[in-house]
């Protein structure tokens, strides 16, 4: 019985270690992706591609709604797009 408990415990420990190994990249993606999309949107904006810029800013906000720079950029891009 003790051998079975040790096997099960060892299996859970190994599974936990494998799980932990793959978690940080997933969380990193959600920190990096909005900033990347924000920068991509800025590049589109500088080229005069306001619709594409607005789409990238909105994607960044979908991932991180608290990204203040993206919020401002969406409002500004929307105004510029309507003026064209």
PDB file of N, CA and C in Angstrom:
ATOM      1  N   UNK A   1       0.819  -1.195   0.000  1.00  0.00           N
ATOM      2  CA  UNK A   1       0.000   0.000   0.000  1.00  0.00           C
ATOM      3  C   UNK A   1       0.864   1.261   0.000  1.00  0.00           C
ATOM      4  N   UNK A   2       1.921   1.281   0.817  1.00  0.00           N
ATOM      5  CA  UNK A   2       2.798   2.441   0.861  1.00  0.00           C
ATOM      6  C   UNK A   2       3.508   2.645  -0.472  1.00  0.00           C
ATOM      7  N   UNK A   3       3.853   1.567  -1.142  1.00  0.00           N
ATOM      8  CA  UNK A   3       4.515   1.662  -2.449  1.00  0.00           C
ATOM      9  C   UNK A   3       3.575   2.301  -3.474  1.00  0.00           C
ATOM     10  N   UNK A   4       2.305   1.952  -3.411  1.00  0.00           N
ATOM     11  CA  UNK A   4       1.311   2.523  -4.321  1.00  0.00           C
ATOM     12  C   UNK A   4       1.158   4.028  -4.066  1.00  0.00           C
ATOM     13  N   UNK A   5       1.118   4.422  -2.818  1.00  0.00           N
ATOM     14  CA  UNK A   5       1.000   5.838  -2.465  1.00  0.00           C
ATOM     15  C   UNK A   5       2.234   6.604  -2.954  1.00  0.00           C
ATOM     16  N   UNK A   6       3.416   6.015  -2.814  1.00  0.00           N
ATOM     17  CA  UNK A   6       4.632   6.667  -3.286  1.00  0.00           C
ATOM     18  C   UNK A   6       4.607   6.842  -4.803  1.00  0.00           C
ATOM     19  N   UNK A   7       4.130   5.801  -5.524  1.00  0.00           N
ATOM     20  CA  UNK A   7       4.044   5.885  -6.982  1.00  0.00           C
ATOM     21  C   UNK A   7       3.085   6.993  -7.411  1.00  0.00           C
ATOM     22  N   UNK A   8       1.929   7.035  -6.758  1.00  0.00           N
ATOM     23  CA  UNK A   8       0.936   8.056  -7.100  1.00  0.00           C
ATOM     24  C   UNK A   8       1.482   9.441  -6.772  1.00  0.00           C
ATOM     25  N   UNK A   9       2.115   9.585  -5.634  1.00  0.00           N
ATOM     26  CA  UNK A   9       2.691  10.873  -5.236  1.00  0.00           C
ATOM     27  C   UNK A   9       3.762  11.313  -6.231  1.00  0.00           C
ATOM     28  N   UNK A  10       4.620  10.388  -6.614  1.00  0.00           N
ATOM     29  CA  UNK A  10       5.663  10.702  -7.576  1.00  0.00           C
ATOM     30  C   UNK A  10       5.063  11.110  -8.920  1.00  0.00           C
ATOM     31  N   UNK A  11       4.010  10.422  -9.328  1.00  0.00           N
ATOM     32  CA  UNK A  11       3.345  10.759 -10.593  1.00  0.00           C
ATOM     33  C   UNK A  11       2.776  12.173 -10.549  1.00  0.00           C
ATOM     34  N   UNK A  12       2.160  12.534  -9.436  1.00  0.00           N
ATOM     35  CA  UNK A  12       1.597  13.879  -9.295  1.00  0.00           C
ATOM     36  C   UNK A  12       2.694  14.939  -9.274  1.00  0.00           C
ATOM     37  N   UNK A  13       3.783  14.655  -8.641  1.00  0.00           N
ATOM     38  CA  UNK A  13       4.895  15.601  -8.595  1.00  0.00           C
ATOM     39  C   UNK A  13       5.461  15.828  -9.988  1.00  0.00           C
ATOM     40  N   UNK A  14       5.637  14.760 -10.738  1.00  0.00           N
ATOM     41  CA  UNK A  14       6.148  14.881 -12.107  1.00  0.00           C
ATOM     42  C   UNK A  14       5.160  15.661 -12.978  1.00  0.00           C
ATOM     43  N   UNK A  15       3.885  15.350 -12.853  1.00  0.00           N
ATOM     44  CA  UNK A  15       2.867  16.061 -13.629  1.00  0.00           C
ATOM     45  C   UNK A  15       2.864  17.545 -13.274  1.00  0.00           C
ATOM     46  N   UNK A  16       2.988  17.846 -11.987  1.00  0.00           N
ATOM     47  CA  UNK A  16       3.013  19.232 -11.536  1.00  0.00           C
ATOM     48  C   UNK A  16       4.229  19.974 -12.093  1.00  0.00           C
ATOM     49  N   UNK A  17       5.378  19.350 -12.083  1.00  0.00           N
ATOM     50  CA  UNK A  17       6.591  19.979 -12.605  1.00  0.00           C
ATOM     51  C   UNK A  17       6.483  20.241 -14.109  1.00  0.00           C
ATOM     52  N   UNK A  18       5.904  19.308 -14.827  1.00  0.00           N
ATOM     53  CA  UNK A  18       5.699  19.499 -16.264  1.00  0.00           C
ATOM     54  C   UNK A  18       4.734  20.658 -16.500  1.00  0.00           C
ATOM     55  N   UNK A  19       3.671  20.711 -15.719  1.00  0.00           N
ATOM     56  CA  UNK A  19       2.674  21.773 -15.829  1.00  0.00           C
ATOM     57  C   UNK A  19       3.306  23.146 -15.571  1.00  0.00           C
ATOM     58  N   UNK A  20       4.097  23.240 -14.533  1.00  0.00           N
ATOM     59  CA  UNK A  20       4.753  24.502 -14.185  1.00  0.00           C
ATOM     60  C   UNK A  20       5.724  24.941 -15.283  1.00  0.00           C
ATOM     61  N   UNK A  21       6.348  23.982 -15.913  1.00  0.00           N
ATOM     62  CA  UNK A  21       7.311  24.299 -16.971  1.00  0.00           C
ATOM     63  C   UNK A  21       6.652  25.050 -18.128  1.00  0.00           C
ATOM     64  N   UNK A  22       5.405  24.722 -18.455  1.00  0.00           N
ATOM     65  CA  UNK A  22       4.745  25.325 -19.607  1.00  0.00           C
ATOM     66  C   UNK A  22       3.912  26.554 -19.270  1.00  0.00           C
ATOM     67  N   UNK A  23       3.683  26.847 -18.020  1.00  0.00           N
ATOM     68  CA  UNK A  23       2.857  27.989 -17.643  1.00  0.00           C
ATOM     69  C   UNK A  23       3.525  29.340 -17.925  1.00  0.00           C
ATOM     70  N   UNK A  24       4.771  29.593 -17.526  1.00  0.00           N
ATOM     71  CA  UNK A  24       5.346  30.931 -17.736  1.00  0.00           C
ATOM     72  C   UNK A  24       5.292  31.442 -19.177  1.00  0.00           C
ATOM     73  N   UNK A  25       5.571  30.622 -20.197  1.00  0.00           N
ATOM     74  CA  UNK A  25       5.463  31.165 -21.558  1.00  0.00           C
ATOM     75  C   UNK A  25       4.052  31.634 -21.893  1.00  0.00           C
ATOM     76  N   UNK A  26       3.061  30.955 -21.370  1.00  0.00           N
ATOM     77  CA  UNK A  26       1.680  31.350 -21.640  1.00  0.00           C
ATOM     78  C   UNK A  26       1.390  32.716 -21.025  1.00  0.00           C
ATOM     79  N   UNK A  27       1.834  32.949 -19.804  1.00  0.00           N
ATOM     80  CA  UNK A  27       1.615  34.241 -19.164  1.00  0.00           C
ATOM     81  C   UNK A  27       2.444  35.333 -19.828  1.00  0.00           C
ATOM     82  N   UNK A  28       3.623  35.011 -20.258  1.00  0.00           N
ATOM     83  CA  UNK A  28       4.481  35.987 -20.931  1.00  0.00           C
ATOM     84  C   UNK A  28       3.830  36.463 -22.216  1.00  0.00           C
ATOM     85  N   UNK A  29       3.186  35.568 -22.910  1.00  0.00           N
ATOM     86  CA  UNK A  29       2.520  35.917 -24.161  1.00  0.00           C
ATOM     87  C   UNK A  29       1.503  37.027 -23.931  1.00  0.00           C
ATOM     88  N   UNK A  30       0.761  36.966 -22.849  1.00  0.00           N
ATOM     89  CA  UNK A  30      -0.264  37.966 -22.593  1.00  0.00           C
ATOM     90  C   UNK A  30       0.318  39.295 -22.125  1.00  0.00           C
ATOM     91  N   UNK A  31       1.567  39.308 -21.693  1.00  0.00           N
ATOM     92  CA  UNK A  31       2.221  40.570 -21.347  1.00  0.00           C
ATOM     93  C   UNK A  31       2.875  41.194 -22.577  1.00  0.00           C
ATOM     94  N   UNK A  32       3.409  40.382 -23.452  1.00  0.00           N
ATOM     95  CA  UNK A  32       4.165  40.879 -24.607  1.00  0.00           C
ATOM     96  C   UNK A  32       3.247  41.194 -25.786  1.00  0.00           C
ATOM     97  N   UNK A  33       2.272  40.364 -26.043  1.00  0.00           N
ATOM     98  CA  UNK A  33       1.423  40.516 -27.228  1.00  0.00           C
ATOM     99  C   UNK A  33       0.746  41.883 -27.311  1.00  0.00           C
ATOM    100  N   UNK A  34       0.138  42.407 -26.241  1.00  0.00           N
ATOM    101  CA  UNK A  34      -0.503  43.718 -26.378  1.00  0.00           C
ATOM    102  C   UNK A  34       0.488  44.825 -26.735  1.00  0.00           C
ATOM    103  N   UNK A  35       1.683  44.761 -26.179  1.00  0.00           N
ATOM    104  CA  UNK A  35       2.693  45.777 -26.484  1.00  0.00           C
ATOM    105  C   UNK A  35       3.139  45.668 -27.942  1.00  0.00           C
ATOM    106  N   UNK A  36       3.272  44.432 -28.419  1.00  0.00           N
ATOM    107  CA  UNK A  36       3.636  44.215 -29.820  1.00  0.00           C
ATOM    108  C   UNK A  36       2.544  44.764 -30.737  1.00  0.00           C
ATOM    109  N   UNK A  37       1.290  44.451 -30.411  1.00  0.00           N
ATOM    110  CA  UNK A  37       0.184  44.923 -31.232  1.00  0.00           C
ATOM    111  C   UNK A  37       0.085  46.447 -31.203  1.00  0.00           C
ATOM    112  N   UNK A  38       0.372  47.024 -30.056  1.00  0.00           N
ATOM    113  CA  UNK A  38       0.373  48.481 -29.934  1.00  0.00           C
ATOM    114  C   UNK A  38       1.436  49.095 -30.845  1.00  0.00           C
ATOM    115  N   UNK A  39       2.624  48.527 -30.830  1.00  0.00           N
ATOM    116  CA  UNK A  39       3.704  49.026 -31.696  1.00  0.00           C
ATOM    117  C   UNK A  39       3.363  48.830 -33.175  1.00  0.00           C
ATOM    118  N   UNK A  40       2.763  47.697 -33.497  1.00  0.00           N
ATOM    119  CA  UNK A  40       2.351  47.443 -34.878  1.00  0.00           C
ATOM    120  C   UNK A  40       1.311  48.471 -35.316  1.00  0.00           C
ATOM    121  N   UNK A  41       0.375  48.759 -34.417  1.00  0.00           N
ATOM    122  CA  UNK A  41      -0.633  49.774 -34.710  1.00  0.00           C
ATOM    123  C   UNK A  41      -0.007  51.137 -34.940  1.00  0.00           C
ATOM    124  N   UNK A  42       0.996  51.473 -34.153  1.00  0.00           N
ATOM    125  CA  UNK A  42       1.685  52.764 -34.329  1.00  0.00           C
ATOM    126  C   UNK A  42       2.341  52.845 -35.708  1.00  0.00           C
ATOM    127  N   UNK A  43       2.944  51.726 -36.133  1.00  0.00           N
ATOM    128  CA  UNK A  43       3.589  51.706 -37.454  1.00  0.00           C
ATOM    129  C   UNK A  43       2.563  51.891 -38.566  1.00  0.00           C
ATOM    130  N   UNK A  44       1.422  51.227 -38.442  1.00  0.00           N
ATOM    131  CA  UNK A  44       0.359  51.416 -39.432  1.00  0.00           C
ATOM    132  C   UNK A  44      -0.108  52.870 -39.435  1.00  0.00           C
ATOM    133  N   UNK A  45      -0.249  53.429 -38.252  1.00  0.00           N
ATOM    134  CA  UNK A  45      -0.716  54.807 -38.135  1.00  0.00           C
ATOM    135  C   UNK A  45       0.258  55.780 -38.813  1.00  0.00           C
ATOM    136  N   UNK A  46       1.541  55.588 -38.573  1.00  0.00           N
ATOM    137  CA  UNK A  46       2.547  56.473 -39.175  1.00  0.00           C
ATOM    138  C   UNK A  46       2.554  56.384 -40.699  1.00  0.00           C
ATOM    139  N   UNK A  47       2.139  55.237 -41.230  1.00  0.00           N
ATOM    140  CA  UNK A  47       2.076  55.056 -42.691  1.00  0.00           C
ATOM    141  C   UNK A  47       0.757  55.547 -43.276  1.00  0.00           C
ATOM    142  N   UNK A  48      -0.130  56.035 -42.403  1.00  0.00           N
ATOM    143  CA  UNK A  48      -1.427  56.512 -42.884  1.00  0.00           C
ATOM    144  C   UNK A  48      -2.460  55.412 -43.036  1.00  0.00           C
ATOM    145  N   UNK A  49      -2.152  54.221 -42.552  1.00  0.00           N
ATOM    146  CA  UNK A  49      -3.085  53.099 -42.635  1.00  0.00           C
ATOM    147  C   UNK A  49      -3.909  53.062 -41.334  1.00  0.00           C
ATOM    148  N   UNK A  50      -4.835  54.013 -41.233  1.00  0.00           N
ATOM    149  CA  UNK A  50      -5.557  54.231 -39.982  1.00  0.00           C
ATOM    150  C   UNK A  50      -6.494  53.076 -39.616  1.00  0.00           C
ATOM    151  N   UNK A  51      -7.112  52.484 -40.610  1.00  0.00           N
ATOM    152  CA  UNK A  51      -8.013  51.360 -40.333  1.00  0.00           C
ATOM    153  C   UNK A  51      -7.233  50.175 -39.761  1.00  0.00           C
ATOM    154  N   UNK A  52      -6.084  49.871 -40.358  1.00  0.00           N
ATOM    155  CA  UNK A  52      -5.245  48.774 -39.861  1.00  0.00           C
ATOM    156  C   UNK A  52      -4.713  49.086 -38.467  1.00  0.00           C
ATOM    157  N   UNK A  53      -4.347  50.349 -38.254  1.00  0.00           N
ATOM    158  CA  UNK A  53      -3.854  50.757 -36.935  1.00  0.00           C
ATOM    159  C   UNK A  53      -4.931  50.561 -35.887  1.00  0.00           C
ATOM    160  N   UNK A  54      -6.141  50.991 -36.206  1.00  0.00           N
ATOM    161  CA  UNK A  54      -7.257  50.855 -35.275  1.00  0.00           C
ATOM    162  C   UNK A  54      -7.512  49.387 -34.926  1.00  0.00           C
ATOM    163  N   UNK A  55      -7.429  48.510 -35.913  1.00  0.00           N
ATOM    164  CA  UNK A  55      -7.623  47.077 -35.666  1.00  0.00           C
ATOM    165  C   UNK A  55      -6.576  46.533 -34.695  1.00  0.00           C
ATOM    166  N   UNK A  56      -5.322  46.944 -34.867  1.00  0.00           N
ATOM    167  CA  UNK A  56      -4.264  46.452 -33.976  1.00  0.00           C
ATOM    168  C   UNK A  56      -4.435  46.984 -32.551  1.00  0.00           C
ATOM    169  N   UNK A  57      -4.821  48.252 -32.443  1.00  0.00           N
ATOM    170  CA  UNK A  57      -5.056  48.815 -31.113  1.00  0.00           C
ATOM    171  C   UNK A  57      -6.204  48.088 -30.412  1.00  0.00           C
ATOM    172  N   UNK A  58      -7.246  47.761 -31.172  1.00  0.00           N
ATOM    173  CA  UNK A  58      -8.388  47.050 -30.585  1.00  0.00           C
ATOM    174  C   UNK A  58      -8.005  45.631 -30.176  1.00  0.00           C
ATOM    175  N   UNK A  59      -7.157  44.974 -30.962  1.00  0.00           N
ATOM    176  CA  UNK A  59      -6.673  43.634 -30.585  1.00  0.00           C
ATOM    177  C   UNK A  59      -5.893  43.700 -29.275  1.00  0.00           C
ATOM    178  N   UNK A  60      -5.060  44.723 -29.138  1.00  0.00           N
ATOM    179  CA  UNK A  60      -4.279  44.884 -27.902  1.00  0.00           C
ATOM    180  C   UNK A  60      -5.216  45.058 -26.710  1.00  0.00           C
ATOM    181  N   UNK A  61      -6.301  45.796 -26.914  1.00  0.00           N
ATOM    182  CA  UNK A  61      -7.256  46.008 -25.824  1.00  0.00           C
ATOM    183  C   UNK A  61      -8.052  44.755 -25.493  1.00  0.00           C
ATOM    184  N   UNK A  62      -8.253  43.896 -26.463  1.00  0.00           N
ATOM    185  CA  UNK A  62      -8.933  42.629 -26.173  1.00  0.00           C
ATOM    186  C   UNK A  62      -8.120  41.782 -25.208  1.00  0.00           C
ATOM    187  N   UNK A  63      -6.810  41.811 -25.377  1.00  0.00           N
ATOM    188  CA  UNK A  63      -5.931  41.028 -24.506  1.00  0.00           C
ATOM    189  C   UNK A  63      -5.733  41.720 -23.168  1.00  0.00           C
ATOM    190  N   UNK A  64      -5.531  43.044 -23.210  1.00  0.00           N
ATOM    191  CA  UNK A  64      -5.296  43.799 -21.983  1.00  0.00           C
ATOM    192  C   UNK A  64      -6.137  45.078 -22.018  1.00  0.00           C
ATOM    193  N   UNK A  65      -7.364  45.025 -21.497  1.00  0.00           N
ATOM    194  CA  UNK A  65      -8.244  46.198 -21.537  1.00  0.00           C
ATOM    195  C   UNK A  65      -7.727  47.393 -20.733  1.00  0.00           C
ATOM    196  N   UNK A  66      -6.763  47.175 -19.853  1.00  0.00           N
ATOM    197  CA  UNK A  66      -6.235  48.253 -19.020  1.00  0.00           C
ATOM    198  C   UNK A  66      -5.063  48.995 -19.657  1.00  0.00           C
ATOM    199  N   UNK A  67      -4.700  48.624 -20.863  1.00  0.00           N
ATOM    200  CA  UNK A  67      -3.560  49.251 -21.536  1.00  0.00           C
ATOM    201  C   UNK A  67      -3.969  50.659 -21.975  1.00  0.00           C
ATOM    202  N   UNK A  68      -3.578  51.636 -21.168  1.00  0.00           N
ATOM    203  CA  UNK A  68      -4.030  53.017 -21.355  1.00  0.00           C
ATOM    204  C   UNK A  68      -3.617  53.604 -22.700  1.00  0.00           C
ATOM    205  N   UNK A  69      -2.400  53.319 -23.124  1.00  0.00           N
ATOM    206  CA  UNK A  69      -1.914  53.862 -24.393  1.00  0.00           C
ATOM    207  C   UNK A  69      -2.758  53.358 -25.568  1.00  0.00           C
ATOM    208  N   UNK A  70      -3.186  52.114 -25.502  1.00  0.00           N
ATOM    209  CA  UNK A  70      -4.032  51.559 -26.565  1.00  0.00           C
ATOM    210  C   UNK A  70      -5.416  52.201 -26.530  1.00  0.00           C
ATOM    211  N   UNK A  71      -5.929  52.480 -25.345  1.00  0.00           N
ATOM    212  CA  UNK A  71      -7.235  53.141 -25.230  1.00  0.00           C
ATOM    213  C   UNK A  71      -7.205  54.511 -25.895  1.00  0.00           C
ATOM    214  N   UNK A  72      -6.160  55.269 -25.607  1.00  0.00           N
ATOM    215  CA  UNK A  72      -6.012  56.602 -26.204  1.00  0.00           C
ATOM    216  C   UNK A  72      -5.844  56.482 -27.717  1.00  0.00           C
ATOM    217  N   UNK A  73      -5.056  55.526 -28.157  1.00  0.00           N
ATOM    218  CA  UNK A  73      -4.803  55.343 -29.587  1.00  0.00           C
ATOM    219  C   UNK A  73      -6.067  54.968 -30.338  1.00  0.00           C
ATOM    220  N   UNK A  74      -6.918  54.144 -29.726  1.00  0.00           N
ATOM    221  CA  UNK A  74      -8.176  53.763 -30.373  1.00  0.00           C
ATOM    222  C   UNK A  74      -9.050  54.996 -30.561  1.00  0.00           C
ATOM    223  N   UNK A  75      -9.156  55.814 -29.531  1.00  0.00           N
ATOM    224  CA  UNK A  75      -9.980  57.023 -29.641  1.00  0.00           C
ATOM    225  C   UNK A  75      -9.435  57.960 -30.713  1.00  0.00           C
ATOM    226  N   UNK A  76      -8.123  58.162 -30.715  1.00  0.00           N
ATOM    227  CA  UNK A  76      -7.509  59.066 -31.671  1.00  0.00           C
ATOM    228  C   UNK A  76      -7.607  58.514 -33.092  1.00  0.00           C
ATOM    229  N   UNK A  77      -7.369  57.229 -33.272  1.00  0.00           N
ATOM    230  CA  UNK A  77      -7.430  56.612 -34.605  1.00  0.00           C
ATOM    231  C   UNK A  77      -8.842  56.668 -35.158  1.00  0.00           C
ATOM    232  N   UNK A  78      -9.814  56.459 -34.298  1.00  0.00           N
ATOM    233  CA  UNK A  78     -11.209  56.533 -34.731  1.00  0.00           C
ATOM    234  C   UNK A  78     -11.571  57.909 -35.238  1.00  0.00           C
ATOM    235  N   UNK A  79     -11.081  58.940 -34.585  1.00  0.00           N
ATOM    236  CA  UNK A  79     -11.339  60.315 -34.993  1.00  0.00           C
ATOM    237  C   UNK A  79     -10.671  60.592 -36.335  1.00  0.00           C
ATOM    238  N   UNK A  80      -9.429  60.184 -36.501  1.00  0.00           N
ATOM    239  CA  UNK A  80      -8.700  60.415 -37.747  1.00  0.00           C
ATOM    240  C   UNK A  80      -9.357  59.664 -38.892  1.00  0.00           C
ATOM    241  N   UNK A  81      -9.787  58.440 -38.628  1.00  0.00           N
ATOM    242  CA  UNK A  81     -10.396  57.616 -39.682  1.00  0.00           C
ATOM    243  C   UNK A  81     -11.689  58.256 -40.171  1.00  0.00           C
ATOM    244  N   UNK A  82     -12.476  58.827 -39.276  1.00  0.00           N
ATOM    245  CA  UNK A  82     -13.733  59.462 -39.659  1.00  0.00           C
ATOM    246  C   UNK A  82     -13.515  60.736 -40.468  1.00  0.00           C
ATOM    247  N   UNK A  83     -12.401  61.412 -40.234  1.00  0.00           N
ATOM    248  CA  UNK A  83     -12.107  62.644 -40.945  1.00  0.00           C
ATOM    249  C   UNK A  83     -11.724  62.412 -42.400  1.00  0.00           C
ATOM    250  N   UNK A  84     -11.242  61.219 -42.701  1.00  0.00           N
ATOM    251  CA  UNK A  84     -10.793  60.919 -44.080  1.00  0.00           C
ATOM    252  C   UNK A  84     -11.953  60.754 -45.020  1.00  0.00           C
TER     253      UNK A  84
END
